[in-house]
Amino acid sequence: MRLVLSTFASEADAEAATRTLIGERLAACGTLLRGARSIFWWEGRIQEENEVMVLFKVPDPGYAAFVARLREIHPYQTPEIVALASADVDPAYEAWLESTCHAGENFSQENDL
């Protein structure tokens, strides 16, 4: 399992991306954390932005497909995509995560979200 961190400029963008990735079964869960404040170097100067951090839970076998799709739908020119490999995950949680994610099999939003 990988925990993937990504930031978005607005809660609406973060929620839309999260719903897309879960609906396409590329992530099992996305936790939106409001109130992030990022200070970073961009376009020759220090920038500061309020952002929404999303923590995505992604199975290792589907990681490459997840990243490719996140890049497609992310509104940033250079999105933050930082993955942390999990060395120790509760076996029941990991089984749920892997059974939830199957690239190419879409959830019906009415029934599953």
PDB file of N, CA and C in Angstrom:
ATOM      1  N   MET A   1       0.837  -1.176   0.000  1.00  0.00           N
ATOM      2  CA  MET A   1       0.000   0.000   0.000  1.00  0.00           C
ATOM      3  C   MET A   1       0.880   1.236   0.000  1.00  0.00           C
ATOM      4  N   ARG A   2       0.374   2.277  -0.657  1.00  0.00           N
ATOM      5  CA  ARG A   2       1.076   3.565  -0.632  1.00  0.00           C
ATOM      6  C   ARG A   2       0.136   4.650  -0.132  1.00  0.00           C
ATOM      7  N   LEU A   3       0.693   5.537   0.643  1.00  0.00           N
ATOM      8  CA  LEU A   3      -0.010   6.729   1.071  1.00  0.00           C
ATOM      9  C   LEU A   3       0.512   7.841   0.175  1.00  0.00           C
ATOM     10  N   VAL A   4      -0.380   8.452  -0.610  1.00  0.00           N
ATOM     11  CA  VAL A   4       0.024   9.457  -1.583  1.00  0.00           C
ATOM     12  C   VAL A   4      -0.499  10.817  -1.141  1.00  0.00           C
ATOM     13  N   LEU A   5       0.398  11.786  -1.037  1.00  0.00           N
ATOM     14  CA  LEU A   5       0.038  13.146  -0.646  1.00  0.00           C
ATOM     15  C   LEU A   5      -0.050  14.011  -1.895  1.00  0.00           C
ATOM     16  N   SER A   6      -1.107  14.818  -1.960  1.00  0.00           N
ATOM     17  CA  SER A   6      -1.248  15.770  -3.057  1.00  0.00           C
ATOM     18  C   SER A   6      -2.014  16.977  -2.538  1.00  0.00           C
ATOM     19  N   THR A   7      -1.633  18.168  -3.007  1.00  0.00           N
ATOM     20  CA  THR A   7      -2.308  19.390  -2.579  1.00  0.00           C
ATOM     21  C   THR A   7      -3.102  19.986  -3.730  1.00  0.00           C
ATOM     22  N   PHE A   8      -4.168  20.691  -3.365  1.00  0.00           N
ATOM     23  CA  PHE A   8      -5.071  21.330  -4.320  1.00  0.00           C
ATOM     24  C   PHE A   8      -5.371  22.744  -3.845  1.00  0.00           C
ATOM     25  N   ALA A   9      -5.684  23.626  -4.787  1.00  0.00           N
ATOM     26  CA  ALA A   9      -5.947  25.024  -4.460  1.00  0.00           C
ATOM     27  C   ALA A   9      -7.286  25.221  -3.762  1.00  0.00           C
ATOM     28  N   SER A  10      -8.224  24.315  -3.987  1.00  0.00           N
ATOM     29  CA  SER A  10      -9.553  24.492  -3.387  1.00  0.00           C
ATOM     30  C   SER A  10     -10.123  23.143  -2.958  1.00  0.00           C
ATOM     31  N   GLU A  11     -11.079  23.227  -2.043  1.00  0.00           N
ATOM     32  CA  GLU A  11     -11.752  22.004  -1.601  1.00  0.00           C
ATOM     33  C   GLU A  11     -12.533  21.375  -2.754  1.00  0.00           C
ATOM     34  N   ALA A  12     -13.107  22.205  -3.612  1.00  0.00           N
ATOM     35  CA  ALA A  12     -13.864  21.671  -4.757  1.00  0.00           C
ATOM     36  C   ALA A  12     -12.958  20.867  -5.686  1.00  0.00           C
ATOM     37  N   ASP A  13     -11.757  21.376  -5.982  1.00  0.00           N
ATOM     38  CA  ASP A  13     -10.809  20.638  -6.823  1.00  0.00           C
ATOM     39  C   ASP A  13     -10.367  19.342  -6.154  1.00  0.00           C
ATOM     40  N   ALA A  14     -10.088  19.417  -4.857  1.00  0.00           N
ATOM     41  CA  ALA A  14      -9.653  18.228  -4.115  1.00  0.00           C
ATOM     42  C   ALA A  14     -10.754  17.168  -4.101  1.00  0.00           C
ATOM     43  N   GLU A  15     -11.975  17.600  -3.851  1.00  0.00           N
ATOM     44  CA  GLU A  15     -13.089  16.648  -3.806  1.00  0.00           C
ATOM     45  C   GLU A  15     -13.351  16.038  -5.177  1.00  0.00           C
ATOM     46  N   ALA A  16     -13.312  16.842  -6.224  1.00  0.00           N
ATOM     47  CA  ALA A  16     -13.554  16.321  -7.575  1.00  0.00           C
ATOM     48  C   ALA A  16     -12.512  15.276  -7.952  1.00  0.00           C
ATOM     49  N   ALA A  17     -11.244  15.567  -7.685  1.00  0.00           N
ATOM     50  CA  ALA A  17     -10.183  14.610  -8.001  1.00  0.00           C
ATOM     51  C   ALA A  17     -10.335  13.332  -7.175  1.00  0.00           C
ATOM     52  N   THR A  18     -10.642  13.483  -5.903  1.00  0.00           N
ATOM     53  CA  THR A  18     -10.803  12.325  -5.028  1.00  0.00           C
ATOM     54  C   THR A  18     -11.966  11.457  -5.486  1.00  0.00           C
ATOM     55  N   ARG A  19     -13.089  12.067  -5.790  1.00  0.00           N
ATOM     56  CA  ARG A  19     -14.243  11.290  -6.259  1.00  0.00           C
ATOM     57  C   ARG A  19     -13.945  10.580  -7.585  1.00  0.00           C
ATOM     58  N   THR A  20     -13.217  11.242  -8.473  1.00  0.00           N
ATOM     59  CA  THR A  20     -12.850  10.618  -9.749  1.00  0.00           C
ATOM     60  C   THR A  20     -11.968   9.401  -9.510  1.00  0.00           C
ATOM     61  N   LEU A  21     -10.930   9.547  -8.706  1.00  0.00           N
ATOM     62  CA  LEU A  21      -9.980   8.458  -8.478  1.00  0.00           C
ATOM     63  C   LEU A  21     -10.610   7.287  -7.731  1.00  0.00           C
ATOM     64  N   ILE A  22     -11.496   7.580  -6.806  1.00  0.00           N
ATOM     65  CA  ILE A  22     -12.195   6.499  -6.104  1.00  0.00           C
ATOM     66  C   ILE A  22     -13.233   5.867  -7.033  1.00  0.00           C
ATOM     67  N   GLY A  23     -13.953   6.694  -7.788  1.00  0.00           N
ATOM     68  CA  GLY A  23     -14.958   6.180  -8.716  1.00  0.00           C
ATOM     69  C   GLY A  23     -14.362   5.285  -9.786  1.00  0.00           C
ATOM     70  N   GLU A  24     -13.139   5.583 -10.180  1.00  0.00           N
ATOM     71  CA  GLU A  24     -12.454   4.756 -11.171  1.00  0.00           C
ATOM     72  C   GLU A  24     -11.676   3.616 -10.515  1.00  0.00           C
ATOM     73  N   ARG A  25     -11.813   3.503  -9.224  1.00  0.00           N
ATOM     74  CA  ARG A  25     -11.219   2.438  -8.406  1.00  0.00           C
ATOM     75  C   ARG A  25      -9.699   2.410  -8.470  1.00  0.00           C
ATOM     76  N   LEU A  26      -9.115   3.607  -8.557  1.00  0.00           N
ATOM     77  CA  LEU A  26      -7.666   3.738  -8.537  1.00  0.00           C
ATOM     78  C   LEU A  26      -7.145   4.048  -7.139  1.00  0.00           C
ATOM     79  N   ALA A  27      -8.036   4.496  -6.261  1.00  0.00           N
ATOM     80  CA  ALA A  27      -7.718   4.735  -4.849  1.00  0.00           C
ATOM     81  C   ALA A  27      -8.875   4.186  -4.031  1.00  0.00           C
ATOM     82  N   ALA A  28      -8.563   3.687  -2.856  1.00  0.00           N
ATOM     83  CA  ALA A  28      -9.608   3.168  -1.975  1.00  0.00           C
ATOM     84  C   ALA A  28     -10.209   4.272  -1.128  1.00  0.00           C
ATOM     85  N   CYS A  29      -9.406   5.304  -0.842  1.00  0.00           N
ATOM     86  CA  CYS A  29      -9.846   6.358   0.065  1.00  0.00           C
ATOM     87  C   CYS A  29      -9.018   7.603  -0.191  1.00  0.00           C
ATOM     88  N   GLY A  30      -9.629   8.737   0.028  1.00  0.00           N
ATOM     89  CA  GLY A  30      -8.909  10.004   0.002  1.00  0.00           C
ATOM     90  C   GLY A  30      -9.386  10.825   1.184  1.00  0.00           C
ATOM     91  N   THR A  31      -8.482  11.240   2.028  1.00  0.00           N
ATOM     92  CA  THR A  31      -8.815  12.045   3.199  1.00  0.00           C
ATOM     93  C   THR A  31      -8.419  13.491   2.917  1.00  0.00           C
ATOM     94  N   LEU A  32      -9.406  14.386   2.912  1.00  0.00           N
ATOM     95  CA  LEU A  32      -9.170  15.800   2.628  1.00  0.00           C
ATOM     96  C   LEU A  32      -8.883  16.542   3.930  1.00  0.00           C
ATOM     97  N   LEU A  33      -7.761  17.229   3.949  1.00  0.00           N
ATOM     98  CA  LEU A  33      -7.349  17.994   5.125  1.00  0.00           C
ATOM     99  C   LEU A  33      -7.316  19.471   4.762  1.00  0.00           C
ATOM    100  N   ARG A  34      -8.316  20.209   5.220  1.00  0.00           N
ATOM    101  CA  ARG A  34      -8.373  21.649   4.956  1.00  0.00           C
ATOM    102  C   ARG A  34      -7.356  22.377   5.822  1.00  0.00           C
ATOM    103  N   GLY A  35      -7.032  23.584   5.406  1.00  0.00           N
ATOM    104  CA  GLY A  35      -6.210  24.444   6.239  1.00  0.00           C
ATOM    105  C   GLY A  35      -4.711  24.310   6.035  1.00  0.00           C
ATOM    106  N   ALA A  36      -4.297  23.604   5.002  1.00  0.00           N
ATOM    107  CA  ALA A  36      -2.864  23.523   4.732  1.00  0.00           C
ATOM    108  C   ALA A  36      -2.385  24.879   4.210  1.00  0.00           C
ATOM    109  N   ARG A  37      -1.223  25.264   4.601  1.00  0.00           N
ATOM    110  CA  ARG A  37      -0.619  26.504   4.117  1.00  0.00           C
ATOM    111  C   ARG A  37       0.759  26.141   3.582  1.00  0.00           C
ATOM    112  N   SER A  38       0.949  26.333   2.302  1.00  0.00           N
ATOM    113  CA  SER A  38       2.206  25.960   1.665  1.00  0.00           C
ATOM    114  C   SER A  38       3.023  27.208   1.326  1.00  0.00           C
ATOM    115  N   ILE A  39       4.299  27.134   1.629  1.00  0.00           N
ATOM    116  CA  ILE A  39       5.256  28.179   1.264  1.00  0.00           C
ATOM    117  C   ILE A  39       6.304  27.478   0.410  1.00  0.00           C
ATOM    118  N   PHE A  40       6.512  27.978  -0.810  1.00  0.00           N
ATOM    119  CA  PHE A  40       7.353  27.245  -1.755  1.00  0.00           C
ATOM    120  C   PHE A  40       7.976  28.192  -2.774  1.00  0.00           C
ATOM    121  N   TRP A  41       9.002  27.712  -3.433  1.00  0.00           N
ATOM    122  CA  TRP A  41       9.671  28.472  -4.481  1.00  0.00           C
ATOM    123  C   TRP A  41       9.011  28.137  -5.803  1.00  0.00           C
ATOM    124  N   TRP A  42       8.555  29.169  -6.553  1.00  0.00           N
ATOM    125  CA  TRP A  42       7.905  28.957  -7.851  1.00  0.00           C
ATOM    126  C   TRP A  42       8.066  30.218  -8.685  1.00  0.00           C
ATOM    127  N   GLU A  43       8.434  30.042  -9.917  1.00  0.00           N
ATOM    128  CA  GLU A  43       8.567  31.139 -10.875  1.00  0.00           C
ATOM    129  C   GLU A  43       9.480  32.251 -10.353  1.00  0.00           C
ATOM    130  N   GLY A  44      10.608  31.840  -9.769  1.00  0.00           N
ATOM    131  CA  GLY A  44      11.635  32.791  -9.373  1.00  0.00           C
ATOM    132  C   GLY A  44      11.435  33.516  -8.065  1.00  0.00           C
ATOM    133  N   ARG A  45      10.428  33.105  -7.286  1.00  0.00           N
ATOM    134  CA  ARG A  45      10.231  33.782  -6.002  1.00  0.00           C
ATOM    135  C   ARG A  45       9.499  32.885  -5.015  1.00  0.00           C
ATOM    136  N   ILE A  46       9.480  33.290  -3.770  1.00  0.00           N
ATOM    137  CA  ILE A  46       8.754  32.547  -2.738  1.00  0.00           C
ATOM    138  C   ILE A  46       7.270  32.829  -2.894  1.00  0.00           C
ATOM    139  N   GLN A  47       6.485  31.795  -2.929  1.00  0.00           N
ATOM    140  CA  GLN A  47       5.024  31.878  -3.037  1.00  0.00           C
ATOM    141  C   GLN A  47       4.406  31.327  -1.750  1.00  0.00           C
ATOM    142  N   GLU A  48       3.181  31.727  -1.495  1.00  0.00           N
ATOM    143  CA  GLU A  48       2.446  31.222  -0.341  1.00  0.00           C
ATOM    144  C   GLU A  48       0.998  31.023  -0.752  1.00  0.00           C
ATOM    145  N   GLU A  49       0.452  29.854  -0.460  1.00  0.00           N
ATOM    146  CA  GLU A  49      -0.929  29.534  -0.838  1.00  0.00           C
ATOM    147  C   GLU A  49      -1.618  28.735   0.256  1.00  0.00           C
ATOM    148  N   ASN A  50      -2.911  28.987   0.439  1.00  0.00           N
ATOM    149  CA  ASN A  50      -3.748  28.111   1.242  1.00  0.00           C
ATOM    150  C   ASN A  50      -4.175  26.967   0.333  1.00  0.00           C
ATOM    151  N   GLU A  51      -4.069  25.753   0.829  1.00  0.00           N
ATOM    152  CA  GLU A  51      -4.380  24.587   0.014  1.00  0.00           C
ATOM    153  C   GLU A  51      -5.154  23.551   0.818  1.00  0.00           C
ATOM    154  N   VAL A  52      -5.618  22.540   0.113  1.00  0.00           N
ATOM    155  CA  VAL A  52      -6.241  21.371   0.726  1.00  0.00           C
ATOM    156  C   VAL A  52      -5.334  20.192   0.425  1.00  0.00           C
ATOM    157  N   MET A  53      -4.891  19.498   1.462  1.00  0.00           N
ATOM    158  CA  MET A  53      -4.050  18.309   1.314  1.00  0.00           C
ATOM    159  C   MET A  53      -4.966  17.091   1.236  1.00  0.00           C
ATOM    160  N   VAL A  54      -4.683  16.198   0.295  1.00  0.00           N
ATOM    161  CA  VAL A  54      -5.416  14.939   0.232  1.00  0.00           C
ATOM    162  C   VAL A  54      -4.427  13.809   0.467  1.00  0.00           C
ATOM    163  N   LEU A  55      -4.808  12.903   1.367  1.00  0.00           N
ATOM    164  CA  LEU A  55      -4.045  11.688   1.624  1.00  0.00           C
ATOM    165  C   LEU A  55      -4.784  10.546   0.941  1.00  0.00           C
ATOM    166  N   PHE A  56      -4.228  10.060  -0.145  1.00  0.00           N
ATOM    167  CA  PHE A  56      -4.836   8.951  -0.888  1.00  0.00           C
ATOM    168  C   PHE A  56      -4.247   7.632  -0.414  1.00  0.00           C
ATOM    169  N   LYS A  57      -5.086   6.603  -0.314  1.00  0.00           N
ATOM    170  CA  LYS A  57      -4.624   5.255   0.014  1.00  0.00           C
ATOM    171  C   LYS A  57      -4.747   4.421  -1.254  1.00  0.00           C
ATOM    172  N   VAL A  58      -3.607   3.920  -1.739  1.00  0.00           N
ATOM    173  CA  VAL A  58      -3.518   3.291  -3.055  1.00  0.00           C
ATOM    174  C   VAL A  58      -2.785   1.956  -2.936  1.00  0.00           C
ATOM    175  N   PRO A  59      -3.301   0.901  -3.558  1.00  0.00           N
ATOM    176  CA  PRO A  59      -2.565  -0.372  -3.530  1.00  0.00           C
ATOM    177  C   PRO A  59      -1.325  -0.295  -4.421  1.00  0.00           C
ATOM    178  N   ASP A  60      -0.270  -0.983  -4.028  1.00  0.00           N
ATOM    179  CA  ASP A  60       0.970  -0.974  -4.817  1.00  0.00           C
ATOM    180  C   ASP A  60       0.751  -1.378  -6.278  1.00  0.00           C
ATOM    181  N   PRO A  61      -0.011  -2.440  -6.555  1.00  0.00           N
ATOM    182  CA  PRO A  61      -0.143  -2.852  -7.963  1.00  0.00           C
ATOM    183  C   PRO A  61      -0.783  -1.796  -8.873  1.00  0.00           C
ATOM    184  N   GLY A  62      -1.601  -0.914  -8.337  1.00  0.00           N
ATOM    185  CA  GLY A  62      -2.271   0.089  -9.154  1.00  0.00           C
ATOM    186  C   GLY A  62      -1.648   1.467  -9.081  1.00  0.00           C
ATOM    187  N   TYR A  63      -0.489   1.584  -8.455  1.00  0.00           N
ATOM    188  CA  TYR A  63       0.108   2.889  -8.217  1.00  0.00           C
ATOM    189  C   TYR A  63       0.402   3.653  -9.511  1.00  0.00           C
ATOM    190  N   ALA A  64       0.990   3.013 -10.493  1.00  0.00           N
ATOM    191  CA  ALA A  64       1.353   3.710 -11.741  1.00  0.00           C
ATOM    192  C   ALA A  64       0.111   4.251 -12.443  1.00  0.00           C
ATOM    193  N   ALA A  65      -0.959   3.478 -12.480  1.00  0.00           N
ATOM    194  CA  ALA A  65      -2.204   3.937 -13.107  1.00  0.00           C
ATOM    195  C   ALA A  65      -2.801   5.099 -12.324  1.00  0.00           C
ATOM    196  N   PHE A  66      -2.728   5.035 -10.989  1.00  0.00           N
ATOM    197  CA  PHE A  66      -3.215   6.121 -10.144  1.00  0.00           C
ATOM    198  C   PHE A  66      -2.473   7.421 -10.460  1.00  0.00           C
ATOM    199  N   VAL A  67      -1.146   7.368 -10.503  1.00  0.00           N
ATOM    200  CA  VAL A  67      -0.335   8.566 -10.751  1.00  0.00           C
ATOM    201  C   VAL A  67      -0.636   9.138 -12.132  1.00  0.00           C
ATOM    202  N   ALA A  68      -0.735   8.275 -13.134  1.00  0.00           N
ATOM    203  CA  ALA A  68      -1.015   8.755 -14.496  1.00  0.00           C
ATOM    204  C   ALA A  68      -2.353   9.489 -14.539  1.00  0.00           C
ATOM    205  N   ARG A  69      -3.356   8.939 -13.886  1.00  0.00           N
ATOM    206  CA  ARG A  69      -4.684   9.562 -13.896  1.00  0.00           C
ATOM    207  C   ARG A  69      -4.697  10.847 -13.071  1.00  0.00           C
ATOM    208  N   LEU A  70      -4.028  10.857 -11.919  1.00  0.00           N
ATOM    209  CA  LEU A  70      -3.970  12.069 -11.100  1.00  0.00           C
ATOM    210  C   LEU A  70      -3.316  13.195 -11.891  1.00  0.00           C
ATOM    211  N   ARG A  71      -2.264  12.904 -12.624  1.00  0.00           N
ATOM    212  CA  ARG A  71      -1.618  13.937 -13.446  1.00  0.00           C
ATOM    213  C   ARG A  71      -2.587  14.488 -14.490  1.00  0.00           C
ATOM    214  N   GLU A  72      -3.421  13.620 -15.067  1.00  0.00           N
ATOM    215  CA  GLU A  72      -4.388  14.049 -16.089  1.00  0.00           C
ATOM    216  C   GLU A  72      -5.429  15.009 -15.526  1.00  0.00           C
ATOM    217  N   ILE A  73      -5.911  14.736 -14.321  1.00  0.00           N
ATOM    218  CA  ILE A  73      -7.044  15.498 -13.782  1.00  0.00           C
ATOM    219  C   ILE A  73      -6.643  16.620 -12.832  1.00  0.00           C
ATOM    220  N   HIS A  74      -5.389  16.654 -12.410  1.00  0.00           N
ATOM    221  CA  HIS A  74      -4.962  17.662 -11.430  1.00  0.00           C
ATOM    222  C   HIS A  74      -4.884  19.031 -12.101  1.00  0.00           C
ATOM    223  N   PRO A  75      -5.412  20.072 -11.453  1.00  0.00           N
ATOM    224  CA  PRO A  75      -5.385  21.404 -12.063  1.00  0.00           C
ATOM    225  C   PRO A  75      -4.016  22.092 -12.051  1.00  0.00           C
ATOM    226  N   TYR A  76      -3.076  21.627 -11.233  1.00  0.00           N
ATOM    227  CA  TYR A  76      -1.768  22.280 -11.167  1.00  0.00           C
ATOM    228  C   TYR A  76      -0.889  21.870 -12.344  1.00  0.00           C
ATOM    229  N   GLN A  77      -0.049  22.797 -12.792  1.00  0.00           N
ATOM    230  CA  GLN A  77       0.923  22.509 -13.854  1.00  0.00           C
ATOM    231  C   GLN A  77       1.904  21.424 -13.397  1.00  0.00           C
ATOM    232  N   THR A  78       2.354  21.539 -12.150  1.00  0.00           N
ATOM    233  CA  THR A  78       3.256  20.554 -11.555  1.00  0.00           C
ATOM    234  C   THR A  78       2.644  20.094 -10.237  1.00  0.00           C
ATOM    235  N   PRO A  79       1.778  19.076 -10.274  1.00  0.00           N
ATOM    236  CA  PRO A  79       1.117  18.660  -9.040  1.00  0.00           C
ATOM    237  C   PRO A  79       2.071  17.982  -8.068  1.00  0.00           C
ATOM    238  N   GLU A  80       1.795  18.193  -6.804  1.00  0.00           N
ATOM    239  CA  GLU A  80       2.526  17.470  -5.765  1.00  0.00           C
ATOM    240  C   GLU A  80       1.999  16.044  -5.748  1.00  0.00           C
ATOM    241  N   ILE A  81       2.875  15.097  -5.989  1.00  0.00           N
ATOM    242  CA  ILE A  81       2.535  13.675  -5.891  1.00  0.00           C
ATOM    243  C   ILE A  81       3.698  13.027  -5.150  1.00  0.00           C
ATOM    244  N   VAL A  82       3.494  12.791  -3.862  1.00  0.00           N
ATOM    245  CA  VAL A  82       4.525  12.216  -3.019  1.00  0.00           C
ATOM    246  C   VAL A  82       3.955  10.934  -2.427  1.00  0.00           C
ATOM    247  N   ALA A  83       4.610   9.816  -2.724  1.00  0.00           N
ATOM    248  CA  ALA A  83       4.124   8.522  -2.241  1.00  0.00           C
ATOM    249  C   ALA A  83       5.040   7.978  -1.162  1.00  0.00           C
ATOM    250  N   LEU A  84       4.429   7.499  -0.107  1.00  0.00           N
ATOM    251  CA  LEU A  84       5.152   6.855   0.975  1.00  0.00           C
ATOM    252  C   LEU A  84       4.751   5.384   0.994  1.00  0.00           C
ATOM    253  N   ALA A  85       5.709   4.511   0.808  1.00  0.00           N
ATOM    254  CA  ALA A  85       5.421   3.079   0.864  1.00  0.00           C
ATOM    255  C   ALA A  85       5.205   2.693   2.326  1.00  0.00           C
ATOM    256  N   SER A  86       4.185   1.935   2.567  1.00  0.00           N
ATOM    257  CA  SER A  86       3.851   1.539   3.932  1.00  0.00           C
ATOM    258  C   SER A  86       4.497   0.194   4.252  1.00  0.00           C
ATOM    259  N   ALA A  87       5.358   0.204   5.248  1.00  0.00           N
ATOM    260  CA  ALA A  87       6.046  -1.017   5.644  1.00  0.00           C
ATOM    261  C   ALA A  87       5.165  -1.886   6.533  1.00  0.00           C
ATOM    262  N   ASP A  88       4.242  -1.270   7.230  1.00  0.00           N
ATOM    263  CA  ASP A  88       3.415  -2.017   8.172  1.00  0.00           C
ATOM    264  C   ASP A  88       1.981  -1.506   8.100  1.00  0.00           C
ATOM    265  N   VAL A  89       1.102  -2.304   7.525  1.00  0.00           N
ATOM    266  CA  VAL A  89      -0.314  -1.955   7.388  1.00  0.00           C
ATOM    267  C   VAL A  89      -1.129  -3.076   8.012  1.00  0.00           C
ATOM    268  N   ASP A  90      -2.157  -2.716   8.754  1.00  0.00           N
ATOM    269  CA  ASP A  90      -3.035  -3.726   9.323  1.00  0.00           C
ATOM    270  C   ASP A  90      -3.527  -4.647   8.205  1.00  0.00           C
ATOM    271  N   PRO A  91      -3.373  -5.959   8.341  1.00  0.00           N
ATOM    272  CA  PRO A  91      -3.750  -6.879   7.263  1.00  0.00           C
ATOM    273  C   PRO A  91      -5.212  -6.754   6.822  1.00  0.00           C
ATOM    274  N   ALA A  92      -6.112  -6.530   7.741  1.00  0.00           N
ATOM    275  CA  ALA A  92      -7.524  -6.392   7.372  1.00  0.00           C
ATOM    276  C   ALA A  92      -7.751  -5.134   6.537  1.00  0.00           C
ATOM    277  N   TYR A  93      -7.083  -4.035   6.905  1.00  0.00           N
ATOM    278  CA  TYR A  93      -7.211  -2.785   6.144  1.00  0.00           C
ATOM    279  C   TYR A  93      -6.616  -2.957   4.752  1.00  0.00           C
ATOM    280  N   GLU A  94      -5.457  -3.583   4.670  1.00  0.00           N
ATOM    281  CA  GLU A  94      -4.815  -3.776   3.366  1.00  0.00           C
ATOM    282  C   GLU A  94      -5.659  -4.681   2.473  1.00  0.00           C
ATOM    283  N   ALA A  95      -6.285  -5.715   3.041  1.00  0.00           N
ATOM    284  CA  ALA A  95      -7.166  -6.601   2.260  1.00  0.00           C
ATOM    285  C   ALA A  95      -8.363  -5.810   1.727  1.00  0.00           C
ATOM    286  N   TRP A  96      -8.944  -4.942   2.570  1.00  0.00           N
ATOM    287  CA  TRP A  96     -10.063  -4.109   2.116  1.00  0.00           C
ATOM    288  C   TRP A  96      -9.611  -3.199   0.982  1.00  0.00           C
ATOM    289  N   LEU A  97      -8.463  -2.553   1.169  1.00  0.00           N
ATOM    290  CA  LEU A  97      -7.944  -1.626   0.168  1.00  0.00           C
ATOM    291  C   LEU A  97      -7.748  -2.338  -1.170  1.00  0.00           C
ATOM    292  N   GLU A  98      -7.088  -3.471  -1.152  1.00  0.00           N
ATOM    293  CA  GLU A  98      -6.816  -4.181  -2.397  1.00  0.00           C
ATOM    294  C   GLU A  98      -8.086  -4.718  -3.042  1.00  0.00           C
ATOM    295  N   SER A  99      -9.068  -5.129  -2.241  1.00  0.00           N
ATOM    296  CA  SER A  99     -10.316  -5.628  -2.822  1.00  0.00           C
ATOM    297  C   SER A  99     -11.171  -4.494  -3.392  1.00  0.00           C
ATOM    298  N   THR A 100     -10.943  -3.280  -2.906  1.00  0.00           N
ATOM    299  CA  THR A 100     -11.705  -2.119  -3.354  1.00  0.00           C
ATOM    300  C   THR A 100     -11.210  -1.582  -4.686  1.00  0.00           C
ATOM    301  N   CYS A 101      -9.913  -1.652  -4.915  1.00  0.00           N
ATOM    302  CA  CYS A 101      -9.305  -1.016  -6.084  1.00  0.00           C
ATOM    303  C   CYS A 101      -9.062  -2.019  -7.201  1.00  0.00           C
ATOM    304  N   HIS A 102      -9.728  -1.772  -8.294  1.00  0.00           N
ATOM    305  CA  HIS A 102      -9.524  -2.567  -9.507  1.00  0.00           C
ATOM    306  C   HIS A 102      -9.615  -1.604 -10.668  1.00  0.00           C
ATOM    307  N   ALA A 103      -8.493  -1.181 -11.204  1.00  0.00           N
ATOM    308  CA  ALA A 103      -8.476  -0.210 -12.302  1.00  0.00           C
ATOM    309  C   ALA A 103      -9.369  -0.671 -13.432  1.00  0.00           C
ATOM    310  N   GLY A 104     -10.152   0.267 -13.941  1.00  0.00           N
ATOM    311  CA  GLY A 104     -11.017  -0.029 -15.071  1.00  0.00           C
ATOM    312  C   GLY A 104     -12.433  -0.420 -14.694  1.00  0.00           C
ATOM    313  N   GLU A 105     -12.669  -0.769 -13.434  1.00  0.00           N
ATOM    314  CA  GLU A 105     -14.022  -1.106 -12.997  1.00  0.00           C
ATOM    315  C   GLU A 105     -14.568   0.108 -12.242  1.00  0.00           C
ATOM    316  N   ASN A 106     -15.500   0.808 -12.845  1.00  0.00           N
ATOM    317  CA  ASN A 106     -16.022   2.036 -12.235  1.00  0.00           C
ATOM    318  C   ASN A 106     -17.159   1.746 -11.268  1.00  0.00           C
ATOM    319  N   PHE A 107     -17.153   2.509 -10.170  1.00  0.00           N
ATOM    320  CA  PHE A 107     -18.274   2.472  -9.234  1.00  0.00           C
ATOM    321  C   PHE A 107     -19.419   3.288  -9.810  1.00  0.00           C
ATOM    322  N   SER A 108     -20.616   2.951  -9.440  1.00  0.00           N
ATOM    323  CA  SER A 108     -21.770   3.802  -9.695  1.00  0.00           C
ATOM    324  C   SER A 108     -21.841   4.792  -8.546  1.00  0.00           C
ATOM    325  N   GLN A 109     -21.852   6.091  -8.846  1.00  0.00           N
ATOM    326  CA  GLN A 109     -21.851   7.081  -7.767  1.00  0.00           C
ATOM    327  C   GLN A 109     -23.091   6.979  -6.895  1.00  0.00           C
ATOM    328  N   GLU A 110     -24.218   6.621  -7.466  1.00  0.00           N
ATOM    329  CA  GLU A 110     -25.434   6.537  -6.650  1.00  0.00           C
ATOM    330  C   GLU A 110     -25.340   5.424  -5.606  1.00  0.00           C
ATOM    331  N   ASN A 111     -24.682   4.319  -5.938  1.00  0.00           N
ATOM    332  CA  ASN A 111     -24.678   3.173  -5.067  1.00  0.00           C
ATOM    333  C   ASN A 111     -23.456   3.054  -4.168  1.00  0.00           C
ATOM    334  N   ASP A 112     -22.346   3.609  -4.596  1.00  0.00           N
ATOM    335  CA  ASP A 112     -21.128   3.303  -3.884  1.00  0.00           C
ATOM    336  C   ASP A 112     -20.410   4.491  -3.257  1.00  0.00           C
ATOM    337  N   LEU A 113     -20.785   5.707  -3.558  1.00  0.00           N
ATOM    338  CA  LEU A 113     -20.077   6.829  -2.955  1.00  0.00           C
ATOM    339  C   LEU A 113     -20.940   7.514  -1.934  1.00  0.00           C
TER     340      LEU A 113
END
